Amino acid sequence: MNNNMDPRLARAIGYAAMFGGFIVVGIGTACFNILEGVVSLILYGIAGLFLAFSIIWMIRKVRCPHCGQLLHLKLYDISVCPYCGKSTDPNSRY
């Protein structure tokens, strides 16, 4: 496969976007009474975009650079692909 990004880095980016979405939801919820309802709904929409981006990003990018199989999205160690047994380092040949 021609996926040159390290799947561990891709998973970290996906989790950062996901937690960013949770933070935006928290701000929208905490400020619901202070802000107008429309502003909070806009914040919820932005949070939804963050969460959708993170899920799509991780499904597309957290893959083995050798066989292309989707790796664990949980916080398991993904230094070795469970499908082909090769290192998930994109610079490694084995």
C-alpha atoms as a PDB file:
ATOM      1  CA  MET A   1       0.000   0.000   0.000  1.00  0.00           C
ATOM      2  CA  ASN A   2       1.124   3.585  -0.573  1.00  0.00           C
ATOM      3  CA  ASN A   3      -0.007   4.858   2.794  1.00  0.00           C
ATOM      4  CA  ASN A   4       3.146   6.601   4.032  1.00  0.00           C
ATOM      5  CA  MET A   5       1.704   7.909   7.306  1.00  0.00           C
ATOM      6  CA  ASP A   6       2.524   6.074  10.493  1.00  0.00           C
ATOM      7  CA  PRO A   7      -0.771   4.527  11.687  1.00  0.00           C
ATOM      8  CA  ARG A   8       0.099   5.397  15.294  1.00  0.00           C
ATOM      9  CA  LEU A   9       0.365   9.081  14.331  1.00  0.00           C
ATOM     10  CA  ALA A  10      -2.849   8.864  12.310  1.00  0.00           C
ATOM     11  CA  ARG A  11      -4.652   7.342  15.296  1.00  0.00           C
ATOM     12  CA  ALA A  12      -3.309  10.108  17.580  1.00  0.00           C
ATOM     13  CA  ILE A  13      -4.587  12.769  15.160  1.00  0.00           C
ATOM     14  CA  GLY A  14      -7.991  11.069  15.062  1.00  0.00           C
ATOM     15  CA  TYR A  15      -8.205  10.941  18.848  1.00  0.00           C
ATOM     16  CA  ALA A  16      -7.135  14.597  19.112  1.00  0.00           C
ATOM     17  CA  ALA A  17      -9.943  15.595  16.737  1.00  0.00           C
ATOM     18  CA  MET A  18     -12.398  13.442  18.684  1.00  0.00           C
ATOM     19  CA  PHE A  19     -11.454  14.985  22.021  1.00  0.00           C
ATOM     20  CA  GLY A  20     -11.607  18.430  20.391  1.00  0.00           C
ATOM     21  CA  GLY A  21     -15.204  17.649  19.459  1.00  0.00           C
ATOM     22  CA  PHE A  22     -15.958  16.602  23.034  1.00  0.00           C
ATOM     23  CA  ILE A  23     -14.474  19.872  24.296  1.00  0.00           C
ATOM     24  CA  VAL A  24     -16.680  21.872  21.904  1.00  0.00           C
ATOM     25  CA  VAL A  25     -19.727  19.900  23.142  1.00  0.00           C
ATOM     26  CA  GLY A  26     -18.719  20.729  26.716  1.00  0.00           C
ATOM     27  CA  ILE A  27     -18.396  24.435  25.916  1.00  0.00           C
ATOM     28  CA  GLY A  28     -21.763  24.434  24.149  1.00  0.00           C
ATOM     29  CA  THR A  29     -23.415  22.659  27.061  1.00  0.00           C
ATOM     30  CA  ALA A  30     -21.779  24.779  29.765  1.00  0.00           C
ATOM     31  CA  CYS A  31     -22.667  28.019  28.006  1.00  0.00           C
ATOM     32  CA  PHE A  32     -26.152  26.989  26.873  1.00  0.00           C
ATOM     33  CA  ASN A  33     -27.884  29.396  29.283  1.00  0.00           C
ATOM     34  CA  ILE A  34     -25.380  32.196  28.705  1.00  0.00           C
ATOM     35  CA  LEU A  35     -25.307  31.993  24.922  1.00  0.00           C
ATOM     36  CA  GLU A  36     -28.366  32.061  22.758  1.00  0.00           C
ATOM     37  CA  GLY A  37     -29.760  28.690  21.737  1.00  0.00           C
ATOM     38  CA  VAL A  38     -28.688  29.161  18.115  1.00  0.00           C
ATOM     39  CA  VAL A  39     -25.033  29.668  19.097  1.00  0.00           C
ATOM     40  CA  SER A  40     -25.097  26.476  21.155  1.00  0.00           C
ATOM     41  CA  LEU A  41     -26.629  24.601  18.230  1.00  0.00           C
ATOM     42  CA  ILE A  42     -23.844  25.905  15.994  1.00  0.00           C
ATOM     43  CA  LEU A  43     -21.298  24.657  18.543  1.00  0.00           C
ATOM     44  CA  TYR A  44     -23.022  21.253  18.554  1.00  0.00           C
ATOM     45  CA  GLY A  45     -22.817  21.194  14.756  1.00  0.00           C
ATOM     46  CA  ILE A  46     -19.106  22.009  14.863  1.00  0.00           C
ATOM     47  CA  ALA A  47     -18.606  19.262  17.448  1.00  0.00           C
ATOM     48  CA  GLY A  48     -20.458  16.827  15.200  1.00  0.00           C
ATOM     49  CA  LEU A  49     -18.129  17.727  12.337  1.00  0.00           C
ATOM     50  CA  PHE A  50     -15.095  17.140  14.572  1.00  0.00           C
ATOM     51  CA  LEU A  51     -16.430  13.734  15.610  1.00  0.00           C
ATOM     52  CA  ALA A  52     -17.380  12.706  12.068  1.00  0.00           C
ATOM     53  CA  PHE A  53     -13.962  13.828  10.780  1.00  0.00           C
ATOM     54  CA  SER A  54     -12.175  11.831  13.466  1.00  0.00           C
ATOM     55  CA  ILE A  55     -14.083   8.633  12.686  1.00  0.00           C
ATOM     56  CA  ILE A  56     -13.605   8.947   8.913  1.00  0.00           C
ATOM     57  CA  TRP A  57      -9.933   9.900   9.372  1.00  0.00           C
ATOM     58  CA  MET A  58      -9.184   6.886  11.549  1.00  0.00           C
ATOM     59  CA  ILE A  59     -11.007   4.442   9.264  1.00  0.00           C
ATOM     60  CA  ARG A  60      -9.103   5.720   6.221  1.00  0.00           C
ATOM     61  CA  LYS A  61      -5.651   6.254   7.751  1.00  0.00           C
ATOM     62  CA  VAL A  62      -5.149   3.729  10.567  1.00  0.00           C
ATOM     63  CA  ARG A  63      -4.205   0.901   8.251  1.00  0.00           C
ATOM     64  CA  CYS A  64      -1.261  -1.412   7.867  1.00  0.00           C
ATOM     65  CA  PRO A  65       1.169   0.117   5.347  1.00  0.00           C
ATOM     66  CA  HIS A  66       1.914  -3.377   3.981  1.00  0.00           C
ATOM     67  CA  CYS A  67      -1.415  -5.216   3.647  1.00  0.00           C
ATOM     68  CA  GLY A  68      -3.847  -2.278   4.000  1.00  0.00           C
ATOM     69  CA  GLN A  69      -6.017  -3.902   6.688  1.00  0.00           C
ATOM     70  CA  LEU A  70      -7.709  -1.659   9.248  1.00  0.00           C
ATOM     71  CA  LEU A  71      -5.793  -1.735  12.523  1.00  0.00           C
ATOM     72  CA  HIS A  72      -7.292  -1.499  15.998  1.00  0.00           C
ATOM     73  CA  LEU A  73      -8.760   1.911  16.732  1.00  0.00           C
ATOM     74  CA  LYS A  74      -8.675   1.189  20.442  1.00  0.00           C
ATOM     75  CA  LEU A  75      -5.571   1.947  22.458  1.00  0.00           C
ATOM     76  CA  TYR A  76      -3.991  -1.427  21.705  1.00  0.00           C
ATOM     77  CA  ASP A  77      -0.375  -1.625  20.630  1.00  0.00           C
ATOM     78  CA  ILE A  78      -0.331  -1.490  16.846  1.00  0.00           C
ATOM     79  CA  SER A  79       3.417  -1.737  16.270  1.00  0.00           C
ATOM     80  CA  VAL A  80       2.846  -5.087  14.499  1.00  0.00           C
ATOM     81  CA  CYS A  81      -0.044  -5.796  12.153  1.00  0.00           C
ATOM     82  CA  PRO A  82      -2.242  -8.638  13.495  1.00  0.00           C
ATOM     83  CA  TYR A  83      -3.113  -9.682   9.922  1.00  0.00           C
ATOM     84  CA  CYS A  84       0.239  -9.890   8.096  1.00  0.00           C
ATOM     85  CA  GLY A  85       2.610  -9.860  11.094  1.00  0.00           C
ATOM     86  CA  LYS A  86       4.800  -7.065   9.679  1.00  0.00           C
ATOM     87  CA  SER A  87       5.868  -3.886  11.439  1.00  0.00           C
ATOM     88  CA  THR A  88       3.451  -0.980  11.012  1.00  0.00           C
ATOM     89  CA  ASP A  89       6.340   1.443  10.628  1.00  0.00           C
ATOM     90  CA  PRO A  90       5.889   2.711   7.052  1.00  0.00           C
ATOM     91  CA  ASN A  91       9.678   2.891   6.569  1.00  0.00           C
ATOM     92  CA  SER A  92      10.180  -0.739   7.516  1.00  0.00           C
ATOM     93  CA  ARG A  93      10.184  -3.464   4.900  1.00  0.00           C
ATOM     94  CA  TYR A  94       9.511  -6.297   7.360  1.00  0.00           C
END
